[in-house]
Amino acid sequence: VKYDVPQPAEGDVPEGGALVQIAYVSVDPYMRGRMRNQPGYFVGPFQLDSPIDGYGIVKVLSSRSPRLPAGGMAQGSFAWVKRQILSKEAAAMMRPLDTAAAPELPLTAYLGPLGMTGLTAYASLAKIGKPVKGETAYVSGAAGAVGYVVGQLLANVHGVRVVGSAGSDEKVAFLKRVGFHDAFNYKTTTPEEALPKLCPNGIDIYYDNVGGQTLEAALESMNTFGRVVACGAISQYDGAAHKHYGVKNLFHVVTKRLLVQGFIVGDLIKEYGESFEADMRRYLTEKKVTVEVDIRHGLEQAGTAFCDMMRGANAGKMLVAV
């Protein structure tokens, strides 16, 4: 539903608040879980008859907040209303962007490698994946916003051999272009067929964005004491719970002594946020990590962009420019 809302004026800005205009919004898989009232989900559902909210970047038009100078850019979560007033509390949750620190980087980098998706890749590998030079890793959903950064970090920073899977030949070519050692199209070659051939020495790290049968295939190829970083399960996000795929070989977790761990990136910010900022800026400058985005234009395209992202039509980070 498209809403027309009253246009705010500078004089309406409260003490500590700011008048902002959206520059970019980010569409992400976690938003699918907010479209239902799902018990145990890490964030609440979208509210009916209200604008949806999500992560993005805004330009500060005027401000009464010491944190958000007028004319600057900031990132955070906000309602998807083009021009809006942030309350004192909402403004306090926004993070001002120091774009002058790396003027060569596009603004979109702050929603990709320098944003939550980059932190997700960086922190989860450090906390759970614990890569060692010379190991082999497999990344599913590898052409997505998190997946390609995971692959670049593993290959270019940690010296790990990386295999990725994606849903088209074009995305397989994309993965090889951005640094994956090998990749396959799971729609034409199943993981059960591909992994023994592409990972003949087994898998030490499986970065799981897909779940279901892909997780089952990866477990078959995991090495003893391997690590499974459970980031997502996009193959299982839709449909009734009783129709979700039941992984049949979980006993490998016992016999191979595997570590299988999920995470929420917000839990890792305190531990890794500071080092992430410095390291990722350096990796971008050194071209070890690149900014790969798929941009749609106009807030009215947000719904289409989300659906395209969920069906895997994007390569890199899906954004909507407003």
C-alpha atoms as a PDB file:
ATOM      1  CA  VAL A   1       0.000   0.000   0.000  1.00  0.00           C
ATOM      2  CA  LYS A   2       1.302   3.428  -0.908  1.00  0.00           C
ATOM      3  CA  TYR A   3       0.639   6.167   1.626  1.00  0.00           C
ATOM      4  CA  ASP A   4       0.577   9.916   1.159  1.00  0.00           C
ATOM      5  CA  VAL A   5       1.787  11.607   4.329  1.00  0.00           C
ATOM      6  CA  PRO A   6       1.954  15.288   5.300  1.00  0.00           C
ATOM      7  CA  GLN A   7       5.251  16.913   4.367  1.00  0.00           C
ATOM      8  CA  PRO A   8       7.215  17.859   7.495  1.00  0.00           C
ATOM      9  CA  ALA A   9       8.755  21.296   7.897  1.00  0.00           C
ATOM     10  CA  GLU A  10      12.003  22.371   9.578  1.00  0.00           C
ATOM     11  CA  GLY A  11      10.029  24.157  12.244  1.00  0.00           C
ATOM     12  CA  ASP A  12       8.512  20.843  13.342  1.00  0.00           C
ATOM     13  CA  VAL A  13      11.843  19.324  14.386  1.00  0.00           C
ATOM     14  CA  PRO A  14      11.865  18.615  18.149  1.00  0.00           C
ATOM     15  CA  GLU A  15      14.806  19.146  20.477  1.00  0.00           C
ATOM     16  CA  GLY A  16      17.342  16.396  19.779  1.00  0.00           C
ATOM     17  CA  GLY A  17      15.586  15.358  16.558  1.00  0.00           C
ATOM     18  CA  ALA A  18      16.287  15.854  12.859  1.00  0.00           C
ATOM     19  CA  LEU A  19      14.571  16.328   9.512  1.00  0.00           C
ATOM     20  CA  VAL A  20      15.891  13.730   7.064  1.00  0.00           C
ATOM     21  CA  GLN A  21      15.364  12.517   3.521  1.00  0.00           C
ATOM     22  CA  ILE A  22      15.965   8.910   2.473  1.00  0.00           C
ATOM     23  CA  ALA A  23      18.867   8.298   0.100  1.00  0.00           C
ATOM     24  CA  TYR A  24      18.864   4.460   0.039  1.00  0.00           C
ATOM     25  CA  VAL A  25      16.922   1.643   1.652  1.00  0.00           C
ATOM     26  CA  SER A  26      18.190  -1.905   1.992  1.00  0.00           C
ATOM     27  CA  VAL A  27      16.048  -4.964   1.263  1.00  0.00           C
ATOM     28  CA  ASP A  28      17.185  -8.050   3.161  1.00  0.00           C
ATOM     29  CA  PRO A  29      16.023 -11.649   3.693  1.00  0.00           C
ATOM     30  CA  TYR A  30      15.315 -11.134   7.420  1.00  0.00           C
ATOM     31  CA  MET A  31      12.389  -8.912   6.410  1.00  0.00           C
ATOM     32  CA  ARG A  32      10.496 -12.002   5.224  1.00  0.00           C
ATOM     33  CA  GLY A  33      10.228 -13.137   8.832  1.00  0.00           C
ATOM     34  CA  ARG A  34       8.676  -9.795   9.780  1.00  0.00           C
ATOM     35  CA  MET A  35       5.778 -10.381   7.381  1.00  0.00           C
ATOM     36  CA  ARG A  36       4.244 -12.858   9.806  1.00  0.00           C
ATOM     37  CA  ASN A  37       3.845 -12.930  13.581  1.00  0.00           C
ATOM     38  CA  GLN A  38       6.504 -15.575  14.082  1.00  0.00           C
ATOM     39  CA  PRO A  39       7.099 -16.709  17.686  1.00  0.00           C
ATOM     40  CA  GLY A  40      10.783 -16.687  18.624  1.00  0.00           C
ATOM     41  CA  TYR A  41      11.859 -14.450  15.745  1.00  0.00           C
ATOM     42  CA  PHE A  42      14.600 -12.023  16.736  1.00  0.00           C
ATOM     43  CA  VAL A  43      12.644  -8.924  15.690  1.00  0.00           C
ATOM     44  CA  GLY A  44       8.939  -8.129  15.771  1.00  0.00           C
ATOM     45  CA  PRO A  45       6.559  -8.114  12.795  1.00  0.00           C
ATOM     46  CA  PHE A  46       5.756  -5.126  10.612  1.00  0.00           C
ATOM     47  CA  GLN A  47       2.752  -3.192  11.899  1.00  0.00           C
ATOM     48  CA  LEU A  48      -0.416  -3.185   9.818  1.00  0.00           C
ATOM     49  CA  ASP A  49      -1.606   0.173   8.445  1.00  0.00           C
ATOM     50  CA  SER A  50       1.806   1.748   9.068  1.00  0.00           C
ATOM     51  CA  PRO A  51       4.809   2.326   6.818  1.00  0.00           C
ATOM     52  CA  ILE A  52       7.289  -0.530   6.999  1.00  0.00           C
ATOM     53  CA  ASP A  53      10.663   0.181   8.503  1.00  0.00           C
ATOM     54  CA  GLY A  54      14.111  -1.034   7.628  1.00  0.00           C
ATOM     55  CA  TYR A  55      17.776  -0.203   7.319  1.00  0.00           C
ATOM     56  CA  GLY A  56      19.164   2.473   5.042  1.00  0.00           C
ATOM     57  CA  ILE A  57      20.898   5.808   4.625  1.00  0.00           C
ATOM     58  CA  VAL A  58      19.406   9.271   5.026  1.00  0.00           C
ATOM     59  CA  LYS A  59      20.573  12.800   4.306  1.00  0.00           C
ATOM     60  CA  VAL A  60      20.160  15.180   7.245  1.00  0.00           C
ATOM     61  CA  LEU A  61      18.315  18.282   6.016  1.00  0.00           C
ATOM     62  CA  SER A  62      18.139  20.115   9.332  1.00  0.00           C
ATOM     63  CA  SER A  63      18.972  19.055  12.841  1.00  0.00           C
ATOM     64  CA  ARG A  64      18.631  19.795  16.513  1.00  0.00           C
ATOM     65  CA  SER A  65      20.715  16.745  17.380  1.00  0.00           C
ATOM     66  CA  PRO A  66      24.419  17.122  18.215  1.00  0.00           C
ATOM     67  CA  ARG A  67      25.016  13.680  16.682  1.00  0.00           C
ATOM     68  CA  LEU A  68      23.533  14.428  13.257  1.00  0.00           C
ATOM     69  CA  PRO A  69      24.924  17.581  11.646  1.00  0.00           C
ATOM     70  CA  ALA A  70      22.803  19.194   8.929  1.00  0.00           C
ATOM     71  CA  GLY A  71      24.071  18.305   5.458  1.00  0.00           C
ATOM     72  CA  GLY A  72      25.597  15.031   6.623  1.00  0.00           C
ATOM     73  CA  MET A  73      24.613  11.424   5.980  1.00  0.00           C
ATOM     74  CA  ALA A  74      23.550   8.845   8.547  1.00  0.00           C
ATOM     75  CA  GLN A  75      22.545   5.200   8.557  1.00  0.00           C
ATOM     76  CA  GLY A  76      20.177   3.189  10.686  1.00  0.00           C
ATOM     77  CA  SER A  77      16.613   1.897  10.779  1.00  0.00           C
ATOM     78  CA  PHE A  78      13.694   4.183  10.017  1.00  0.00           C
ATOM     79  CA  ALA A  79      10.213   4.255   8.476  1.00  0.00           C
ATOM     80  CA  TRP A  80      10.196   4.083   4.694  1.00  0.00           C
ATOM     81  CA  VAL A  81       8.842   7.602   4.281  1.00  0.00           C
ATOM     82  CA  LYS A  82      10.842   9.730   1.840  1.00  0.00           C
ATOM     83  CA  ARG A  83      11.028  12.851   4.004  1.00  0.00           C
ATOM     84  CA  GLN A  84      10.438  12.572   7.727  1.00  0.00           C
ATOM     85  CA  ILE A  85      11.212  13.905  11.166  1.00  0.00           C
ATOM     86  CA  LEU A  86      13.181  11.708  13.530  1.00  0.00           C
ATOM     87  CA  SER A  87      12.389  12.048  17.207  1.00  0.00           C
ATOM     88  CA  LYS A  88      15.143  12.583  19.744  1.00  0.00           C
ATOM     89  CA  GLU A  89      15.070   8.853  20.495  1.00  0.00           C
ATOM     90  CA  ALA A  90      15.138   7.844  16.818  1.00  0.00           C
ATOM     91  CA  ALA A  91      17.944  10.296  16.014  1.00  0.00           C
ATOM     92  CA  ALA A  92      20.006   8.862  18.877  1.00  0.00           C
ATOM     93  CA  MET A  93      19.826   5.434  17.219  1.00  0.00           C
ATOM     94  CA  MET A  94      21.189   6.690  13.884  1.00  0.00           C
ATOM     95  CA  ARG A  95      24.893   6.403  13.066  1.00  0.00           C
ATOM     96  CA  PRO A  96      26.489   9.428  11.366  1.00  0.00           C
ATOM     97  CA  LEU A  97      28.680   8.506   8.404  1.00  0.00           C
ATOM     98  CA  ASP A  98      32.206   9.858   8.156  1.00  0.00           C
ATOM     99  CA  THR A  99      32.346   9.754   4.360  1.00  0.00           C
ATOM    100  CA  ALA A 100      35.364  12.097   4.348  1.00  0.00           C
ATOM    101  CA  ALA A 101      37.478   9.332   5.910  1.00  0.00           C
ATOM    102  CA  ALA A 102      37.309   7.380   2.640  1.00  0.00           C
ATOM    103  CA  PRO A 103      36.118   9.753  -0.103  1.00  0.00           C
ATOM    104  CA  GLU A 104      36.959   7.216  -2.798  1.00  0.00           C
ATOM    105  CA  LEU A 105      34.231   4.861  -1.565  1.00  0.00           C
ATOM    106  CA  PRO A 106      30.690   5.144  -2.927  1.00  0.00           C
ATOM    107  CA  LEU A 107      27.895   5.806  -0.469  1.00  0.00           C
ATOM    108  CA  THR A 108      26.513   2.344  -1.222  1.00  0.00           C
ATOM    109  CA  ALA A 109      29.573   0.804   0.454  1.00  0.00           C
ATOM    110  CA  TYR A 110      28.047   1.761   3.809  1.00  0.00           C
ATOM    111  CA  LEU A 111      25.104  -0.556   3.163  1.00  0.00           C
ATOM    112  CA  GLY A 112      27.313  -3.286   1.688  1.00  0.00           C
ATOM    113  CA  PRO A 113      30.810  -4.235   2.860  1.00  0.00           C
ATOM    114  CA  LEU A 114      30.971  -1.349   5.377  1.00  0.00           C
ATOM    115  CA  GLY A 115      27.405  -1.926   6.543  1.00  0.00           C
ATOM    116  CA  MET A 116      25.515  -4.655   8.368  1.00  0.00           C
ATOM    117  CA  THR A 117      26.053  -7.200   5.603  1.00  0.00           C
ATOM    118  CA  GLY A 118      29.817  -6.676   5.738  1.00  0.00           C
ATOM    119  CA  LEU A 119      29.801  -6.879   9.531  1.00  0.00           C
ATOM    120  CA  THR A 120      27.740 -10.068   9.291  1.00  0.00           C
ATOM    121  CA  ALA A 121      30.380 -11.677   7.078  1.00  0.00           C
ATOM    122  CA  TYR A 122      33.381 -10.378   9.031  1.00  0.00           C
ATOM    123  CA  ALA A 123      32.170 -11.059  12.567  1.00  0.00           C
ATOM    124  CA  SER A 124      30.650 -14.484  11.937  1.00  0.00           C
ATOM    125  CA  LEU A 125      33.813 -15.736  10.255  1.00  0.00           C
ATOM    126  CA  ALA A 126      35.886 -14.470  13.183  1.00  0.00           C
ATOM    127  CA  LYS A 127      33.543 -15.846  15.854  1.00  0.00           C
ATOM    128  CA  ILE A 128      32.441 -19.145  14.314  1.00  0.00           C
ATOM    129  CA  GLY A 129      34.256 -19.898  11.055  1.00  0.00           C
ATOM    130  CA  LYS A 130      37.790 -19.339  12.408  1.00  0.00           C
ATOM    131  CA  PRO A 131      39.418 -19.771   8.965  1.00  0.00           C
ATOM    132  CA  VAL A 132      42.936 -21.174   8.656  1.00  0.00           C
ATOM    133  CA  LYS A 133      45.095 -20.635   5.590  1.00  0.00           C
ATOM    134  CA  GLY A 134      44.941 -23.610   3.232  1.00  0.00           C
ATOM    135  CA  GLU A 135      41.511 -24.820   4.330  1.00  0.00           C
ATOM    136  CA  THR A 136      38.524 -25.283   2.007  1.00  0.00           C
ATOM    137  CA  ALA A 137      35.235 -23.424   2.407  1.00  0.00           C
ATOM    138  CA  TYR A 138      31.856 -23.691   0.723  1.00  0.00           C
ATOM    139  CA  VAL A 139      29.450 -20.731   0.623  1.00  0.00           C
ATOM    140  CA  SER A 140      25.818 -21.232  -0.412  1.00  0.00           C
ATOM    141  CA  GLY A 141      23.752 -18.280  -1.576  1.00  0.00           C
ATOM    142  CA  ALA A 142      27.165 -16.966  -2.514  1.00  0.00           C
ATOM    143  CA  ALA A 143      26.100 -14.217  -4.930  1.00  0.00           C
ATOM    144  CA  GLY A 144      24.056 -12.441  -2.267  1.00  0.00           C
ATOM    145  CA  ALA A 145      25.041  -9.438  -0.181  1.00  0.00           C
ATOM    146  CA  VAL A 146      26.657 -11.450   2.611  1.00  0.00           C
ATOM    147  CA  GLY A 147      27.793 -14.434   0.566  1.00  0.00           C
ATOM    148  CA  TYR A 148      30.105 -12.673  -1.852  1.00  0.00           C
ATOM    149  CA  VAL A 149      31.799 -10.712   0.958  1.00  0.00           C
ATOM    150  CA  VAL A 150      32.300 -13.950   2.895  1.00  0.00           C
ATOM    151  CA  GLY A 151      33.968 -15.461  -0.173  1.00  0.00           C
ATOM    152  CA  GLN A 152      36.256 -12.477  -0.712  1.00  0.00           C
ATOM    153  CA  LEU A 153      37.298 -12.400   2.946  1.00  0.00           C
ATOM    154  CA  LEU A 154      38.042 -16.117   2.955  1.00  0.00           C
ATOM    155  CA  ALA A 155      39.987 -16.078  -0.313  1.00  0.00           C
ATOM    156  CA  ASN A 156      41.727 -12.706  -0.240  1.00  0.00           C
ATOM    157  CA  VAL A 157      42.296 -12.135   3.475  1.00  0.00           C
ATOM    158  CA  HIS A 158      42.513 -15.604   5.041  1.00  0.00           C
ATOM    159  CA  GLY A 159      44.025 -17.634   2.191  1.00  0.00           C
ATOM    160  CA  VAL A 160      41.236 -20.211   2.103  1.00  0.00           C
ATOM    161  CA  ARG A 161      40.122 -22.038  -1.052  1.00  0.00           C
ATOM    162  CA  VAL A 162      36.493 -21.018  -1.631  1.00  0.00           C
ATOM    163  CA  VAL A 163      33.715 -22.687  -3.613  1.00  0.00           C
ATOM    164  CA  GLY A 164      30.348 -20.987  -4.015  1.00  0.00           C
ATOM    165  CA  SER A 165      26.927 -21.874  -5.363  1.00  0.00           C
ATOM    166  CA  ALA A 166      24.344 -19.631  -7.000  1.00  0.00           C
ATOM    167  CA  GLY A 167      21.238 -19.952  -9.135  1.00  0.00           C
ATOM    168  CA  SER A 168      22.383 -19.026 -12.641  1.00  0.00           C
ATOM    169  CA  ASP A 169      25.374 -19.289 -14.945  1.00  0.00           C
ATOM    170  CA  GLU A 170      25.638 -15.485 -14.892  1.00  0.00           C
ATOM    171  CA  LYS A 171      25.997 -15.502 -11.120  1.00  0.00           C
ATOM    172  CA  VAL A 172      28.560 -18.300 -11.292  1.00  0.00           C
ATOM    173  CA  ALA A 173      30.583 -16.024 -13.587  1.00  0.00           C
ATOM    174  CA  PHE A 174      30.050 -13.188 -11.082  1.00  0.00           C
ATOM    175  CA  LEU A 175      31.456 -15.322  -8.257  1.00  0.00           C
ATOM    176  CA  LYS A 176      34.559 -16.202 -10.223  1.00  0.00           C
ATOM    177  CA  ARG A 177      35.030 -12.540 -11.133  1.00  0.00           C
ATOM    178  CA  VAL A 178      34.951 -11.423  -7.499  1.00  0.00           C
ATOM    179  CA  GLY A 179      37.470 -14.031  -6.349  1.00  0.00           C
ATOM    180  CA  PHE A 180      35.869 -17.429  -5.706  1.00  0.00           C
ATOM    181  CA  HIS A 181      38.168 -20.251  -6.785  1.00  0.00           C
ATOM    182  CA  ASP A 182      35.271 -22.254  -8.170  1.00  0.00           C
ATOM    183  CA  ALA A 183      31.483 -22.104  -8.306  1.00  0.00           C
ATOM    184  CA  PHE A 184      28.483 -24.009  -9.615  1.00  0.00           C
ATOM    185  CA  ASN A 185      24.885 -23.424 -10.633  1.00  0.00           C
ATOM    186  CA  TYR A 186      22.777 -25.448  -8.199  1.00  0.00           C
ATOM    187  CA  LYS A 187      19.858 -25.436 -10.637  1.00  0.00           C
ATOM    188  CA  THR A 188      21.809 -27.456 -13.184  1.00  0.00           C
ATOM    189  CA  THR A 189      24.176 -29.352 -10.844  1.00  0.00           C
ATOM    190  CA  THR A 190      22.984 -30.307  -7.383  1.00  0.00           C
ATOM    191  CA  PRO A 191      25.218 -29.729  -4.341  1.00  0.00           C
ATOM    192  CA  GLU A 192      25.237 -33.511  -3.832  1.00  0.00           C
ATOM    193  CA  GLU A 193      26.861 -33.853  -7.267  1.00  0.00           C
ATOM    194  CA  ALA A 194      29.074 -30.762  -7.217  1.00  0.00           C
ATOM    195  CA  LEU A 195      30.660 -30.749  -3.767  1.00  0.00           C
ATOM    196  CA  PRO A 196      32.582 -34.060  -3.940  1.00  0.00           C
ATOM    197  CA  LYS A 197      34.057 -32.950  -7.273  1.00  0.00           C
ATOM    198  CA  LEU A 198      34.850 -29.320  -6.377  1.00  0.00           C
ATOM    199  CA  CYS A 199      35.924 -30.073  -2.796  1.00  0.00           C
ATOM    200  CA  PRO A 200      37.734 -33.423  -3.170  1.00  0.00           C
ATOM    201  CA  ASN A 201      39.558 -32.926   0.133  1.00  0.00           C
ATOM    202  CA  GLY A 202      36.347 -32.122   1.987  1.00  0.00           C
ATOM    203  CA  ILE A 203      34.959 -28.908   3.476  1.00  0.00           C
ATOM    204  CA  ASP A 204      36.385 -27.273   6.595  1.00  0.00           C
ATOM    205  CA  ILE A 205      33.987 -24.290   6.718  1.00  0.00           C
ATOM    206  CA  TYR A 206      30.439 -24.269   5.397  1.00  0.00           C
ATOM    207  CA  TYR A 207      28.842 -20.820   5.338  1.00  0.00           C
ATOM    208  CA  ASP A 208      25.136 -21.608   5.144  1.00  0.00           C
ATOM    209  CA  ASN A 209      22.693 -19.110   3.676  1.00  0.00           C
ATOM    210  CA  VAL A 210      20.283 -21.690   2.260  1.00  0.00           C
ATOM    211  CA  GLY A 211      19.589 -24.553   4.690  1.00  0.00           C
ATOM    212  CA  GLY A 212      17.487 -27.579   3.706  1.00  0.00           C
ATOM    213  CA  GLN A 213      18.916 -29.984   1.163  1.00  0.00           C
ATOM    214  CA  THR A 214      21.978 -27.778   0.609  1.00  0.00           C
ATOM    215  CA  LEU A 215      22.881 -28.070   4.290  1.00  0.00           C
ATOM    216  CA  GLU A 216      22.353 -31.824   4.062  1.00  0.00           C
ATOM    217  CA  ALA A 217      24.733 -32.085   1.086  1.00  0.00           C
ATOM    218  CA  ALA A 218      27.360 -29.939   2.822  1.00  0.00           C
ATOM    219  CA  LEU A 219      27.270 -32.108   5.951  1.00  0.00           C
ATOM    220  CA  GLU A 220      28.146 -35.129   3.803  1.00  0.00           C
ATOM    221  CA  SER A 221      31.342 -33.402   2.636  1.00  0.00           C
ATOM    222  CA  MET A 222      32.368 -31.792   5.929  1.00  0.00           C
ATOM    223  CA  ASN A 223      35.738 -32.678   7.402  1.00  0.00           C
ATOM    224  CA  THR A 224      36.203 -33.722  11.011  1.00  0.00           C
ATOM    225  CA  PHE A 225      36.087 -30.689  13.334  1.00  0.00           C
ATOM    226  CA  GLY A 226      34.583 -28.549  10.558  1.00  0.00           C
ATOM    227  CA  ARG A 227      32.577 -25.424  11.294  1.00  0.00           C
ATOM    228  CA  VAL A 228      29.124 -24.574   9.950  1.00  0.00           C
ATOM    229  CA  VAL A 229      28.274 -20.877  10.136  1.00  0.00           C
ATOM    230  CA  ALA A 230      24.464 -20.798  10.097  1.00  0.00           C
ATOM    231  CA  CYS A 231      23.674 -17.363   8.687  1.00  0.00           C
ATOM    232  CA  GLY A 232      20.347 -18.067   6.981  1.00  0.00           C
ATOM    233  CA  ALA A 233      18.052 -20.672   5.444  1.00  0.00           C
ATOM    234  CA  ILE A 234      16.399 -18.915   2.536  1.00  0.00           C
ATOM    235  CA  SER A 235      15.100 -22.188   1.084  1.00  0.00           C
ATOM    236  CA  GLN A 236      12.931 -22.579   4.202  1.00  0.00           C
ATOM    237  CA  TYR A 237      11.522 -19.078   4.672  1.00  0.00           C
ATOM    238  CA  ASP A 238       8.208 -19.687   2.899  1.00  0.00           C
ATOM    239  CA  GLY A 239       5.497 -22.274   3.430  1.00  0.00           C
ATOM    240  CA  ALA A 240       4.036 -23.938   6.487  1.00  0.00           C
ATOM    241  CA  ALA A 241       6.467 -25.259   9.085  1.00  0.00           C
ATOM    242  CA  HIS A 242       5.389 -28.882   8.582  1.00  0.00           C
ATOM    243  CA  LYS A 243       6.411 -28.614   4.911  1.00  0.00           C
ATOM    244  CA  HIS A 244       9.972 -27.463   5.646  1.00  0.00           C
ATOM    245  CA  TYR A 245      12.745 -29.836   4.601  1.00  0.00           C
ATOM    246  CA  GLY A 246      13.973 -32.166   7.324  1.00  0.00           C
ATOM    247  CA  VAL A 247      17.756 -32.624   7.185  1.00  0.00           C
ATOM    248  CA  LYS A 248      18.365 -36.371   7.452  1.00  0.00           C
ATOM    249  CA  ASN A 249      22.070 -36.637   8.277  1.00  0.00           C
ATOM    250  CA  LEU A 250      22.488 -34.530  11.410  1.00  0.00           C
ATOM    251  CA  PHE A 251      24.328 -37.428  13.069  1.00  0.00           C
ATOM    252  CA  HIS A 252      27.383 -36.183  11.125  1.00  0.00           C
ATOM    253  CA  VAL A 253      27.458 -33.356  13.671  1.00  0.00           C
ATOM    254  CA  VAL A 254      28.281 -35.984  16.295  1.00  0.00           C
ATOM    255  CA  THR A 255      30.550 -38.336  14.397  1.00  0.00           C
ATOM    256  CA  LYS A 256      32.543 -35.576  12.667  1.00  0.00           C
ATOM    257  CA  ARG A 257      32.569 -33.428  15.844  1.00  0.00           C
ATOM    258  CA  LEU A 258      31.228 -30.436  13.929  1.00  0.00           C
ATOM    259  CA  LEU A 259      30.525 -26.998  15.291  1.00  0.00           C
ATOM    260  CA  VAL A 260      27.166 -25.756  13.961  1.00  0.00           C
ATOM    261  CA  GLN A 261      26.304 -22.291  15.244  1.00  0.00           C
ATOM    262  CA  GLY A 262      23.797 -19.631  14.336  1.00  0.00           C
ATOM    263  CA  PHE A 263      24.073 -15.963  15.221  1.00  0.00           C
ATOM    264  CA  ILE A 264      22.406 -12.563  15.041  1.00  0.00           C
ATOM    265  CA  VAL A 265      24.785  -9.838  13.908  1.00  0.00           C
ATOM    266  CA  GLY A 266      23.597  -7.431  16.600  1.00  0.00           C
ATOM    267  CA  ASP A 267      25.055  -9.771  19.212  1.00  0.00           C
ATOM    268  CA  LEU A 268      28.525  -9.399  17.679  1.00  0.00           C
ATOM    269  CA  ILE A 269      28.758  -5.616  17.299  1.00  0.00           C
ATOM    270  CA  LYS A 270      30.272  -4.991  20.731  1.00  0.00           C
ATOM    271  CA  GLU A 271      33.016  -7.570  20.199  1.00  0.00           C
ATOM    272  CA  TYR A 272      33.856  -6.906  16.552  1.00  0.00           C
ATOM    273  CA  GLY A 273      32.424  -3.521  15.584  1.00  0.00           C
ATOM    274  CA  GLU A 274      35.575  -1.466  16.112  1.00  0.00           C
ATOM    275  CA  SER A 275      38.002  -3.837  14.400  1.00  0.00           C
ATOM    276  CA  PHE A 276      35.524  -4.380  11.573  1.00  0.00           C
ATOM    277  CA  GLU A 277      35.410  -0.690  10.712  1.00  0.00           C
ATOM    278  CA  ALA A 278      39.186  -0.358  10.456  1.00  0.00           C
ATOM    279  CA  ASP A 279      39.818  -3.703   8.757  1.00  0.00           C
ATOM    280  CA  MET A 280      37.050  -3.416   6.169  1.00  0.00           C
ATOM    281  CA  ARG A 281      38.130   0.074   5.111  1.00  0.00           C
ATOM    282  CA  ARG A 282      41.598  -1.345   4.545  1.00  0.00           C
ATOM    283  CA  TYR A 283      40.313  -4.357   2.622  1.00  0.00           C
ATOM    284  CA  LEU A 284      38.281  -2.069   0.366  1.00  0.00           C
ATOM    285  CA  THR A 285      41.258   0.203  -0.245  1.00  0.00           C
ATOM    286  CA  GLU A 286      43.435  -2.823  -1.051  1.00  0.00           C
ATOM    287  CA  LYS A 287      40.690  -4.249  -3.352  1.00  0.00           C
ATOM    288  CA  LYS A 288      40.511  -7.435  -1.310  1.00  0.00           C
ATOM    289  CA  VAL A 289      36.803  -6.716  -0.936  1.00  0.00           C
ATOM    290  CA  THR A 290      34.761  -4.905  -3.582  1.00  0.00           C
ATOM    291  CA  VAL A 291      31.456  -3.041  -3.572  1.00  0.00           C
ATOM    292  CA  GLU A 292      28.934  -5.030  -5.608  1.00  0.00           C
ATOM    293  CA  VAL A 293      25.388  -3.630  -5.685  1.00  0.00           C
ATOM    294  CA  ASP A 294      22.138  -4.079  -7.585  1.00  0.00           C
ATOM    295  CA  ILE A 295      20.247  -0.780  -7.423  1.00  0.00           C
ATOM    296  CA  ARG A 296      16.569  -0.153  -8.182  1.00  0.00           C
ATOM    297  CA  HIS A 297      15.312   3.415  -8.419  1.00  0.00           C
ATOM    298  CA  GLY A 298      12.301   4.859  -6.615  1.00  0.00           C
ATOM    299  CA  LEU A 299      10.739   3.903  -3.280  1.00  0.00           C
ATOM    300  CA  GLU A 300       7.790   2.468  -5.205  1.00  0.00           C
ATOM    301  CA  GLN A 301      10.199  -0.220  -6.487  1.00  0.00           C
ATOM    302  CA  ALA A 302      10.970  -1.501  -2.978  1.00  0.00           C
ATOM    303  CA  GLY A 303       8.424  -4.303  -3.125  1.00  0.00           C
ATOM    304  CA  THR A 304       9.663  -5.527  -6.488  1.00  0.00           C
ATOM    305  CA  ALA A 305      13.269  -5.258  -5.321  1.00  0.00           C
ATOM    306  CA  PHE A 306      12.475  -7.361  -2.247  1.00  0.00           C
ATOM    307  CA  CYS A 307      10.751 -10.070  -4.292  1.00  0.00           C
ATOM    308  CA  ASP A 308      13.609 -10.105  -6.806  1.00  0.00           C
ATOM    309  CA  MET A 309      16.120 -10.466  -3.979  1.00  0.00           C
ATOM    310  CA  MET A 310      14.181 -13.338  -2.424  1.00  0.00           C
ATOM    311  CA  ARG A 311      14.048 -15.225  -5.730  1.00  0.00           C
ATOM    312  CA  GLY A 312      17.753 -14.600  -6.345  1.00  0.00           C
ATOM    313  CA  ALA A 313      17.569 -12.130  -9.213  1.00  0.00           C
ATOM    314  CA  ASN A 314      20.346  -9.953  -7.780  1.00  0.00           C
ATOM    315  CA  ALA A 315      24.112 -10.281  -7.619  1.00  0.00           C
ATOM    316  CA  GLY A 316      25.591  -8.415  -4.663  1.00  0.00           C
ATOM    317  CA  LYS A 317      23.708  -6.115  -2.321  1.00  0.00           C
ATOM    318  CA  MET A 318      20.142  -5.183  -3.332  1.00  0.00           C
ATOM    319  CA  LEU A 319      19.382  -1.508  -2.688  1.00  0.00           C
ATOM    320  CA  VAL A 320      16.660   0.956  -3.583  1.00  0.00           C
ATOM    321  CA  ALA A 321      17.785   4.495  -4.393  1.00  0.00           C
ATOM    322  CA  VAL A 322      15.266   7.096  -3.258  1.00  0.00           C
END
